Structure formats: structure tokens, C-alpha cells
Amino acid sequence: MSDNPEQPNESGTESEDIIAAMFRSILCLTLLCTGTVHGAVKHVPIRSGVVLKPGETYTAQVESAKPVEIGWTAVQAKACTTDCVQMTLIGATHAPPFSAARGAQGNYTPTDGKVVVEYKNVSQEPVTIDVYRLERTCDAEGCRLFDPSKKGSFLVFKIDEFKSITTSADGSYSVISGVVESGRAFRIHVVWWTDQKGGYQGCPRFIKGYVDNHTPKEKYRPYILAGLNVGDANNIVLKSIEECVPLAPHFGVLEKNVFK
């Protein structure tokens, strides 16, 4: 979600939109230049060495009440020259089949307490695959703030003024206080990243600049901060950040999702 350019501009909003776009570009550059992993990924075999002749299928089933991350890797001596394995999530109405040549991973939500994935050889040559479940561990300080099994709800802060920001030693989360457009004060935890650095990790540096330099709020308000609240009403923990951008007066969002 972002500013809606079709809405009429007020005086000065064109230059403000340009600044907001530049800010997004800087954040994108930050994302592209980083990728440090702060955790471990373990492959737990579901079935290894599955030989599939042309047209043959193998179905993997995992019992779980929570979302499950499942992957596969082609291990035959001669690599596929085309997308030779097609994956289909059985029972899903909005997940079309997906094909790949070397391997792929997916995060699947269980149906009736289980995840069922079909793997089909859609090539003209035999293929051999290892199918596994992924278990991720996170050492980032931000991971201690929430239950990873909680889905959360979308929440948007239209910030009028920042008051303070304190960021963890590893940079994975910040505690931010301020005032939103409605005049209500807030103090929240914002998780920028978990097992891998990325996303909006440049945001705390910009926000800290506003606070430390006592930047007039007119230079950045309304500042949009949006993500999933995986805390509660008295202890908001915002993760999976989707927007972190200043000068966004035309940001479109349902009012029920706005913190007021």
C-alpha cells in the first residue's frame, strides 16, 4: 500500500511525494546491500531419494496445526534442463501449481490439521528428489518479543510526531514512542527483521535522526508505519513491516486498521 497519486494534490504535496519516493528508494538500497543470517535452518527429511519417472507423482503429508515450511531438492546426477517438478498443494483453492528445475520451498497453512503436497515429474526424464520440512531458529533479540505461531492483525500508524526511539544492540527491533494524527500517544515495539536482516532495517536510523536532531514534524508527518500486530492492545509488537515512509498524506487504508 502506498500514497494514491490519483487523489488531488494539496499545495506542496507533489514535492512531498517525491521525498517519500526517494525515501523508499534509499530503503530498497539498504535491503539489497544486506542479507546477514541470524539464525539456523534445519532440513528434517520427510522422504529422501524419491525416484519419479515421467508423469509419476509423490505425495508428502505432514500433520500439523500450524503453518509448515516444506521444500524439495533435485538430487539426480543429470540436472533438469527445464522445470521438471511440479508442486501442487492439495486441498488449496487459491494456490496454483508451481514448477521448478532444482528445488523450491513453500510455507503452507494446514487444512484439517495437515498439509498435503504433490510432486509430479512433468519432464521426459527420470528425476530424484529429497523432500524435507524446514525448521528455523532465530537468535535475533526481536524474536523474543512475540509468539511466532501468532498470525497477528494488520495495523497502521499515521504518526504526527516522534518522541523517542531505542534500538536493540543487534538492530532487530526498536521501541518507538510518539503521537499519531488523532492526538493519541503511543509506545510500541517494532521488529525490523528476525532470522535474516532485510526489509526496513534502515528505518530506525532515519527515525533516530528526526528525534536526535529535533526535526520539525512538518518535515515528515504523516509518517506511515504499518505491519502485523502480534502483541495485544496493551503491548503492541509490530512485525512483518510493510510500510515505513514519511510524508504520506494519501496513504490508503481501511479505518478499522488505523491506530487511533
C-alpha atoms as a PDB file:
ATOM      1  CA  MET A   1       0.000   0.000   0.000  1.00  0.00           C
ATOM      2  CA  SER A   2       1.202   3.487  -0.734  1.00  0.00           C
ATOM      3  CA  ASP A   3       0.101   7.017  -1.495  1.00  0.00           C
ATOM      4  CA  ASN A   4      -2.699   7.221  -4.031  1.00  0.00           C
ATOM      5  CA  PRO A   5      -1.465   9.517  -6.819  1.00  0.00           C
ATOM      6  CA  GLU A   6      -4.973   9.868  -8.256  1.00  0.00           C
ATOM      7  CA  GLN A   7      -6.168  11.934  -5.308  1.00  0.00           C
ATOM      8  CA  PRO A   8      -5.917  15.719  -5.749  1.00  0.00           C
ATOM      9  CA  ASN A   9      -2.692  17.253  -4.524  1.00  0.00           C
ATOM     10  CA  GLU A  10      -2.722  20.000  -1.961  1.00  0.00           C
ATOM     11  CA  SER A  11      -0.168  22.787  -2.125  1.00  0.00           C
ATOM     12  CA  GLY A  12       3.313  21.315  -1.730  1.00  0.00           C
ATOM     13  CA  THR A  13       2.224  17.654  -1.783  1.00  0.00           C
ATOM     14  CA  GLU A  14       3.960  16.969  -5.106  1.00  0.00           C
ATOM     15  CA  SER A  15       7.376  17.713  -3.634  1.00  0.00           C
ATOM     16  CA  GLU A  16       6.446  15.763  -0.522  1.00  0.00           C
ATOM     17  CA  ASP A  17       5.557  12.728  -2.644  1.00  0.00           C
ATOM     18  CA  ILE A  18       8.933  12.985  -4.377  1.00  0.00           C
ATOM     19  CA  ILE A  19      10.663  12.962  -0.981  1.00  0.00           C
ATOM     20  CA  ALA A  20       8.633   9.933   0.064  1.00  0.00           C
ATOM     21  CA  ALA A  21       9.606   8.104  -3.143  1.00  0.00           C
ATOM     22  CA  MET A  22      13.278   8.938  -2.563  1.00  0.00           C
ATOM     23  CA  PHE A  23      12.972   7.611   0.976  1.00  0.00           C
ATOM     24  CA  ARG A  24      11.570   4.309  -0.319  1.00  0.00           C
ATOM     25  CA  SER A  25      14.463   4.074  -2.795  1.00  0.00           C
ATOM     26  CA  ILE A  26      17.019   4.533  -0.017  1.00  0.00           C
ATOM     27  CA  LEU A  27      15.338   1.784   1.998  1.00  0.00           C
ATOM     28  CA  CYS A  28      15.388  -0.520  -1.035  1.00  0.00           C
ATOM     29  CA  LEU A  29      19.115   0.059  -1.425  1.00  0.00           C
ATOM     30  CA  THR A  30      19.554  -0.822   2.238  1.00  0.00           C
ATOM     31  CA  LEU A  31      17.706  -4.078   1.650  1.00  0.00           C
ATOM     32  CA  LEU A  32      19.739  -5.036  -1.412  1.00  0.00           C
ATOM     33  CA  CYS A  33      23.055  -4.441   0.309  1.00  0.00           C
ATOM     34  CA  THR A  34      22.393  -6.658   3.331  1.00  0.00           C
ATOM     35  CA  GLY A  35      21.482 -10.260   3.998  1.00  0.00           C
ATOM     36  CA  THR A  36      23.184 -11.464   7.155  1.00  0.00           C
ATOM     37  CA  VAL A  37      21.538 -14.536   8.656  1.00  0.00           C
ATOM     38  CA  HIS A  38      20.955 -14.511  12.417  1.00  0.00           C
ATOM     39  CA  GLY A  39      19.598 -17.998  12.913  1.00  0.00           C
ATOM     40  CA  ALA A  40      19.755 -21.538  11.582  1.00  0.00           C
ATOM     41  CA  VAL A  41      17.701 -23.552   9.128  1.00  0.00           C
ATOM     42  CA  LYS A  42      17.478 -27.308   9.652  1.00  0.00           C
ATOM     43  CA  HIS A  43      16.234 -29.704   6.965  1.00  0.00           C
ATOM     44  CA  VAL A  44      14.203 -32.510   8.545  1.00  0.00           C
ATOM     45  CA  PRO A  45      13.744 -35.313   5.978  1.00  0.00           C
ATOM     46  CA  ILE A  46      10.206 -36.279   5.023  1.00  0.00           C
ATOM     47  CA  ARG A  47      11.429 -38.682   2.345  1.00  0.00           C
ATOM     48  CA  SER A  48      14.785 -38.830   0.595  1.00  0.00           C
ATOM     49  CA  GLY A  49      15.768 -40.305  -2.761  1.00  0.00           C
ATOM     50  CA  VAL A  50      12.284 -40.308  -4.293  1.00  0.00           C
ATOM     51  CA  VAL A  51      12.642 -41.502  -7.895  1.00  0.00           C
ATOM     52  CA  LEU A  52       9.957 -40.185 -10.228  1.00  0.00           C
ATOM     53  CA  LYS A  53       9.589 -41.443 -13.764  1.00  0.00           C
ATOM     54  CA  PRO A  54       7.999 -39.115 -16.329  1.00  0.00           C
ATOM     55  CA  GLY A  55       4.415 -38.461 -15.243  1.00  0.00           C
ATOM     56  CA  GLU A  56       4.820 -40.093 -11.813  1.00  0.00           C
ATOM     57  CA  THR A  57       3.846 -38.363  -8.576  1.00  0.00           C
ATOM     58  CA  TYR A  58       4.802 -38.480  -4.919  1.00  0.00           C
ATOM     59  CA  THR A  59       2.580 -37.046  -2.203  1.00  0.00           C
ATOM     60  CA  ALA A  60       4.024 -35.745   1.065  1.00  0.00           C
ATOM     61  CA  GLN A  61       1.760 -35.336   4.085  1.00  0.00           C
ATOM     62  CA  VAL A  62       2.640 -33.551   7.330  1.00  0.00           C
ATOM     63  CA  GLU A  63       0.326 -33.451  10.334  1.00  0.00           C
ATOM     64  CA  SER A  64       0.346 -30.006  11.945  1.00  0.00           C
ATOM     65  CA  ALA A  65      -1.921 -27.395  13.484  1.00  0.00           C
ATOM     66  CA  LYS A  66       0.463 -24.593  12.499  1.00  0.00           C
ATOM     67  CA  PRO A  67       1.855 -23.414   9.143  1.00  0.00           C
ATOM     68  CA  VAL A  68       4.576 -25.734   7.861  1.00  0.00           C
ATOM     69  CA  GLU A  69       7.525 -24.897   5.614  1.00  0.00           C
ATOM     70  CA  ILE A  70       8.278 -27.729   3.185  1.00  0.00           C
ATOM     71  CA  GLY A  71      10.922 -27.910   0.493  1.00  0.00           C
ATOM     72  CA  TRP A  72      12.389 -30.222  -2.105  1.00  0.00           C
ATOM     73  CA  THR A  73      15.691 -30.551  -3.951  1.00  0.00           C
ATOM     74  CA  ALA A  74      16.502 -32.439  -7.160  1.00  0.00           C
ATOM     75  CA  VAL A  75      19.465 -34.744  -6.491  1.00  0.00           C
ATOM     76  CA  GLN A  76      19.830 -36.867  -9.663  1.00  0.00           C
ATOM     77  CA  ALA A  77      23.233 -36.818 -11.365  1.00  0.00           C
ATOM     78  CA  LYS A  78      21.996 -35.054 -14.501  1.00  0.00           C
ATOM     79  CA  ALA A  79      20.350 -31.750 -13.638  1.00  0.00           C
ATOM     80  CA  CYS A  80      16.997 -30.870 -15.192  1.00  0.00           C
ATOM     81  CA  THR A  81      17.234 -28.531 -18.158  1.00  0.00           C
ATOM     82  CA  THR A  82      13.594 -27.482 -17.759  1.00  0.00           C
ATOM     83  CA  ASP A  83      11.204 -27.015 -14.841  1.00  0.00           C
ATOM     84  CA  CYS A  84      10.839 -30.731 -14.278  1.00  0.00           C
ATOM     85  CA  VAL A  85       8.991 -30.987 -10.953  1.00  0.00           C
ATOM     86  CA  GLN A  86       5.545 -29.541 -10.405  1.00  0.00           C
ATOM     87  CA  MET A  87       4.292 -28.948  -6.855  1.00  0.00           C
ATOM     88  CA  THR A  88       0.585 -28.814  -6.042  1.00  0.00           C
ATOM     89  CA  LEU A  89      -0.862 -28.039  -2.617  1.00  0.00           C
ATOM     90  CA  ILE A  90      -3.740 -30.491  -2.286  1.00  0.00           C
ATOM     91  CA  GLY A  91      -6.962 -29.012  -0.967  1.00  0.00           C
ATOM     92  CA  ALA A  92      -5.974 -25.394  -1.658  1.00  0.00           C
ATOM     93  CA  THR A  93      -8.293 -23.337  -3.843  1.00  0.00           C
ATOM     94  CA  HIS A  94      -6.038 -20.289  -4.259  1.00  0.00           C
ATOM     95  CA  ALA A  95      -2.621 -21.928  -4.706  1.00  0.00           C
ATOM     96  CA  PRO A  96      -1.894 -22.790  -8.367  1.00  0.00           C
ATOM     97  CA  PRO A  97       0.708 -25.466  -9.188  1.00  0.00           C
ATOM     98  CA  PHE A  98       4.314 -24.299  -9.314  1.00  0.00           C
ATOM     99  CA  SER A  99       7.181 -25.870 -11.261  1.00  0.00           C
ATOM    100  CA  ALA A 100      10.956 -25.633 -10.806  1.00  0.00           C
ATOM    101  CA  ALA A 101      14.118 -27.340 -12.008  1.00  0.00           C
ATOM    102  CA  ARG A 102      16.386 -27.604  -8.970  1.00  0.00           C
ATOM    103  CA  GLY A 103      14.171 -27.200  -5.930  1.00  0.00           C
ATOM    104  CA  ALA A 104      11.809 -24.893  -4.076  1.00  0.00           C
ATOM    105  CA  GLN A 105      10.302 -24.172  -0.683  1.00  0.00           C
ATOM    106  CA  GLY A 106       6.836 -23.169   0.432  1.00  0.00           C
ATOM    107  CA  ASN A 107       5.134 -22.085   3.643  1.00  0.00           C
ATOM    108  CA  TYR A 108       1.816 -23.927   3.813  1.00  0.00           C
ATOM    109  CA  THR A 109      -1.207 -23.441   6.051  1.00  0.00           C
ATOM    110  CA  PRO A 110      -2.745 -26.757   7.175  1.00  0.00           C
ATOM    111  CA  THR A 111      -6.211 -27.851   6.117  1.00  0.00           C
ATOM    112  CA  ASP A 112      -7.991 -30.089   8.642  1.00  0.00           C
ATOM    113  CA  GLY A 113      -4.773 -30.405  10.626  1.00  0.00           C
ATOM    114  CA  LYS A 114      -2.497 -31.487   7.788  1.00  0.00           C
ATOM    115  CA  VAL A 115      -0.503 -30.242   4.808  1.00  0.00           C
ATOM    116  CA  VAL A 116      -0.525 -32.385   1.663  1.00  0.00           C
ATOM    117  CA  VAL A 117       1.793 -31.532  -1.235  1.00  0.00           C
ATOM    118  CA  GLU A 118       2.001 -33.461  -4.501  1.00  0.00           C
ATOM    119  CA  TYR A 119       5.236 -33.575  -6.517  1.00  0.00           C
ATOM    120  CA  LYS A 120       4.951 -34.591 -10.182  1.00  0.00           C
ATOM    121  CA  ASN A 121       7.651 -35.208 -12.756  1.00  0.00           C
ATOM    122  CA  VAL A 122       6.498 -33.156 -15.738  1.00  0.00           C
ATOM    123  CA  SER A 123       9.643 -33.784 -17.795  1.00  0.00           C
ATOM    124  CA  GLN A 124      10.611 -36.581 -20.174  1.00  0.00           C
ATOM    125  CA  GLU A 125      13.468 -37.833 -17.977  1.00  0.00           C
ATOM    126  CA  PRO A 126      13.524 -39.526 -14.539  1.00  0.00           C
ATOM    127  CA  VAL A 127      14.192 -37.228 -11.591  1.00  0.00           C
ATOM    128  CA  THR A 128      15.157 -37.923  -7.993  1.00  0.00           C
ATOM    129  CA  ILE A 129      14.113 -35.585  -5.208  1.00  0.00           C
ATOM    130  CA  ASP A 130      14.620 -35.151  -1.484  1.00  0.00           C
ATOM    131  CA  VAL A 131      11.577 -33.764   0.318  1.00  0.00           C
ATOM    132  CA  TYR A 132      12.039 -32.139   3.712  1.00  0.00           C
ATOM    133  CA  ARG A 133      10.486 -29.912   6.339  1.00  0.00           C
ATOM    134  CA  LEU A 134      12.298 -26.726   7.364  1.00  0.00           C
ATOM    135  CA  GLU A 135      12.815 -25.803  10.993  1.00  0.00           C
ATOM    136  CA  ARG A 136      14.067 -22.271  11.588  1.00  0.00           C
ATOM    137  CA  THR A 137      15.618 -20.940  14.743  1.00  0.00           C
ATOM    138  CA  CYS A 138      16.153 -17.262  15.388  1.00  0.00           C
ATOM    139  CA  ASP A 139      18.839 -15.711  17.553  1.00  0.00           C
ATOM    140  CA  ALA A 140      17.751 -12.108  16.947  1.00  0.00           C
ATOM    141  CA  GLU A 141      16.669 -10.180  20.034  1.00  0.00           C
ATOM    142  CA  GLY A 142      13.430  -9.251  18.299  1.00  0.00           C
ATOM    143  CA  CYS A 143      12.353 -12.907  18.183  1.00  0.00           C
ATOM    144  CA  ARG A 144      11.884 -12.903  21.950  1.00  0.00           C
ATOM    145  CA  LEU A 145       9.086 -10.355  21.732  1.00  0.00           C
ATOM    146  CA  PHE A 146       6.385 -12.486  20.131  1.00  0.00           C
ATOM    147  CA  ASP A 147       4.965 -15.956  19.599  1.00  0.00           C
ATOM    148  CA  PRO A 148       5.947 -16.967  16.027  1.00  0.00           C
ATOM    149  CA  SER A 149       2.767 -19.033  15.682  1.00  0.00           C
ATOM    150  CA  LYS A 150       0.562 -15.961  16.121  1.00  0.00           C
ATOM    151  CA  LYS A 151      -0.702 -14.611  12.786  1.00  0.00           C
ATOM    152  CA  GLY A 152      -1.369 -11.074  14.015  1.00  0.00           C
ATOM    153  CA  SER A 153      -3.582  -8.357  12.567  1.00  0.00           C
ATOM    154  CA  PHE A 154      -2.738  -5.540  10.148  1.00  0.00           C
ATOM    155  CA  LEU A 155      -2.199  -2.237  11.936  1.00  0.00           C
ATOM    156  CA  VAL A 156      -1.234   1.193  10.574  1.00  0.00           C
ATOM    157  CA  PHE A 157       0.254   4.121  12.490  1.00  0.00           C
ATOM    158  CA  LYS A 158      -0.201   7.558  10.938  1.00  0.00           C
ATOM    159  CA  ILE A 159       2.418   9.300  13.024  1.00  0.00           C
ATOM    160  CA  ASP A 160       2.246  13.036  13.644  1.00  0.00           C
ATOM    161  CA  GLU A 161       5.381  13.269  15.777  1.00  0.00           C
ATOM    162  CA  PHE A 162       8.152  11.020  17.084  1.00  0.00           C
ATOM    163  CA  LYS A 163       9.179  11.418  20.719  1.00  0.00           C
ATOM    164  CA  SER A 164      11.817   8.720  21.219  1.00  0.00           C
ATOM    165  CA  ILE A 165      13.389   5.609  19.732  1.00  0.00           C
ATOM    166  CA  THR A 166      15.644   2.986  21.306  1.00  0.00           C
ATOM    167  CA  THR A 167      17.005   0.163  19.174  1.00  0.00           C
ATOM    168  CA  SER A 168      18.308  -3.210  20.354  1.00  0.00           C
ATOM    169  CA  ALA A 169      22.022  -3.945  20.203  1.00  0.00           C
ATOM    170  CA  ASP A 170      21.604  -6.222  17.185  1.00  0.00           C
ATOM    171  CA  GLY A 171      19.269  -3.794  15.417  1.00  0.00           C
ATOM    172  CA  SER A 172      16.428  -6.303  15.101  1.00  0.00           C
ATOM    173  CA  TYR A 173      13.824  -4.206  16.918  1.00  0.00           C
ATOM    174  CA  SER A 174      13.143  -0.729  18.274  1.00  0.00           C
ATOM    175  CA  VAL A 175      10.950   0.758  20.975  1.00  0.00           C
ATOM    176  CA  ILE A 176       9.298   3.845  19.498  1.00  0.00           C
ATOM    177  CA  SER A 177       7.109   6.458  21.154  1.00  0.00           C
ATOM    178  CA  GLY A 178       5.250   9.395  19.711  1.00  0.00           C
ATOM    179  CA  VAL A 179       1.851  10.802  18.837  1.00  0.00           C
ATOM    180  CA  VAL A 180      -0.447   9.758  15.989  1.00  0.00           C
ATOM    181  CA  GLU A 181      -2.633  12.110  13.929  1.00  0.00           C
ATOM    182  CA  SER A 182      -5.622  11.657  16.245  1.00  0.00           C
ATOM    183  CA  GLY A 183      -3.548  13.063  19.129  1.00  0.00           C
ATOM    184  CA  ARG A 184      -3.195   9.728  20.920  1.00  0.00           C
ATOM    185  CA  ALA A 185       0.216   8.894  22.369  1.00  0.00           C
ATOM    186  CA  PHE A 186       1.789   5.515  21.651  1.00  0.00           C
ATOM    187  CA  ARG A 187       4.728   3.372  22.690  1.00  0.00           C
ATOM    188  CA  ILE A 188       5.327   0.243  20.613  1.00  0.00           C
ATOM    189  CA  HIS A 189       7.892  -2.424  19.803  1.00  0.00           C
ATOM    190  CA  VAL A 190       8.744  -2.655  16.097  1.00  0.00           C
ATOM    191  CA  VAL A 191      10.523  -5.793  14.856  1.00  0.00           C
ATOM    192  CA  TRP A 192      12.524  -4.912  11.743  1.00  0.00           C
ATOM    193  CA  TRP A 193      13.847  -8.389  10.996  1.00  0.00           C
ATOM    194  CA  THR A 194      14.071 -11.864  12.539  1.00  0.00           C
ATOM    195  CA  ASP A 195      16.201 -14.698  11.110  1.00  0.00           C
ATOM    196  CA  GLN A 196      17.656 -12.598   8.277  1.00  0.00           C
ATOM    197  CA  LYS A 197      18.452  -8.910   8.018  1.00  0.00           C
ATOM    198  CA  GLY A 198      16.429  -7.138   5.392  1.00  0.00           C
ATOM    199  CA  GLY A 199      13.223  -5.252   4.843  1.00  0.00           C
ATOM    200  CA  TYR A 200      13.074  -1.881   6.594  1.00  0.00           C
ATOM    201  CA  GLN A 201      16.144  -2.094   8.810  1.00  0.00           C
ATOM    202  CA  GLY A 202      17.177   1.383   7.645  1.00  0.00           C
ATOM    203  CA  CYS A 203      14.071   2.914   9.231  1.00  0.00           C
ATOM    204  CA  PRO A 204      15.345   3.206  12.821  1.00  0.00           C
ATOM    205  CA  ARG A 205      18.327   5.239  11.620  1.00  0.00           C
ATOM    206  CA  PHE A 206      16.076   7.766   9.877  1.00  0.00           C
ATOM    207  CA  ILE A 207      13.641   7.969  12.795  1.00  0.00           C
ATOM    208  CA  LYS A 208      16.504   8.420  15.245  1.00  0.00           C
ATOM    209  CA  GLY A 209      17.739  11.279  13.086  1.00  0.00           C
ATOM    210  CA  TYR A 210      14.380  13.022  13.436  1.00  0.00           C
ATOM    211  CA  VAL A 211      14.423  12.585  17.226  1.00  0.00           C
ATOM    212  CA  ASP A 212      18.076  13.474  17.837  1.00  0.00           C
ATOM    213  CA  ASN A 213      18.019  16.479  15.529  1.00  0.00           C
ATOM    214  CA  HIS A 214      14.642  17.701  16.801  1.00  0.00           C
ATOM    215  CA  THR A 215      13.436  17.777  13.226  1.00  0.00           C
ATOM    216  CA  PRO A 216      10.199  19.793  12.858  1.00  0.00           C
ATOM    217  CA  LYS A 217       7.374  17.297  12.487  1.00  0.00           C
ATOM    218  CA  GLU A 218       6.192  19.143   9.395  1.00  0.00           C
ATOM    219  CA  LYS A 219       9.213  17.629   7.631  1.00  0.00           C
ATOM    220  CA  TYR A 220       7.940  14.056   7.959  1.00  0.00           C
ATOM    221  CA  ARG A 221       4.316  13.906   9.070  1.00  0.00           C
ATOM    222  CA  PRO A 222       2.273  11.915   8.499  1.00  0.00           C
ATOM    223  CA  TYR A 223       4.855   9.159   8.836  1.00  0.00           C
ATOM    224  CA  ILE A 224       3.352   5.783   7.958  1.00  0.00           C
ATOM    225  CA  LEU A 225       4.425   2.713   9.896  1.00  0.00           C
ATOM    226  CA  ALA A 226       2.447  -0.420   9.030  1.00  0.00           C
ATOM    227  CA  GLY A 227       2.751  -4.124   9.767  1.00  0.00           C
ATOM    228  CA  LEU A 228       1.243  -7.018  11.695  1.00  0.00           C
ATOM    229  CA  ASN A 229       0.478  -6.542  15.381  1.00  0.00           C
ATOM    230  CA  VAL A 230       1.454  -9.813  17.056  1.00  0.00           C
ATOM    231  CA  GLY A 231       1.155  -8.351  20.550  1.00  0.00           C
ATOM    232  CA  ASP A 232      -2.029  -7.120  22.198  1.00  0.00           C
ATOM    233  CA  ALA A 233      -3.804  -3.829  22.842  1.00  0.00           C
ATOM    234  CA  ASN A 234      -1.584  -3.013  25.826  1.00  0.00           C
ATOM    235  CA  ASN A 235       1.681  -4.269  24.347  1.00  0.00           C
ATOM    236  CA  ILE A 236       1.789  -3.689  20.596  1.00  0.00           C
ATOM    237  CA  VAL A 237       4.514  -5.583  18.761  1.00  0.00           C
ATOM    238  CA  LEU A 238       4.633  -4.687  15.084  1.00  0.00           C
ATOM    239  CA  LYS A 239       6.410  -7.163  12.761  1.00  0.00           C
ATOM    240  CA  SER A 240       6.398  -8.035   9.044  1.00  0.00           C
ATOM    241  CA  ILE A 241       6.690  -4.321   8.314  1.00  0.00           C
ATOM    242  CA  GLU A 242       5.018  -3.346   5.036  1.00  0.00           C
ATOM    243  CA  GLU A 243       5.414   0.435   5.077  1.00  0.00           C
ATOM    244  CA  CYS A 244       7.834   2.800   6.783  1.00  0.00           C
ATOM    245  CA  VAL A 245       7.777   6.100   4.942  1.00  0.00           C
ATOM    246  CA  PRO A 246       7.424   9.839   5.693  1.00  0.00           C
ATOM    247  CA  LEU A 247       5.185  12.432   4.086  1.00  0.00           C
ATOM    248  CA  ALA A 248       2.412  10.062   3.031  1.00  0.00           C
ATOM    249  CA  PRO A 249      -0.833  12.052   3.444  1.00  0.00           C
ATOM    250  CA  HIS A 250      -2.715   9.999   0.868  1.00  0.00           C
ATOM    251  CA  PHE A 251      -1.853   6.556   2.241  1.00  0.00           C
ATOM    252  CA  GLY A 252      -4.879   4.331   1.613  1.00  0.00           C
ATOM    253  CA  VAL A 253      -6.035   2.004   4.378  1.00  0.00           C
ATOM    254  CA  LEU A 254      -9.288   0.887   5.979  1.00  0.00           C
ATOM    255  CA  GLU A 255     -10.054   2.957   9.045  1.00  0.00           C
ATOM    256  CA  LYS A 256     -10.515  -0.185  11.149  1.00  0.00           C
ATOM    257  CA  ASN A 257      -6.809  -0.912  10.650  1.00  0.00           C
ATOM    258  CA  VAL A 258      -5.620   2.528  11.812  1.00  0.00           C
ATOM    259  CA  PHE A 259      -4.325   3.046  15.349  1.00  0.00           C
ATOM    260  CA  LYS A 260      -6.333   5.909  16.868  1.00  0.00           C
END
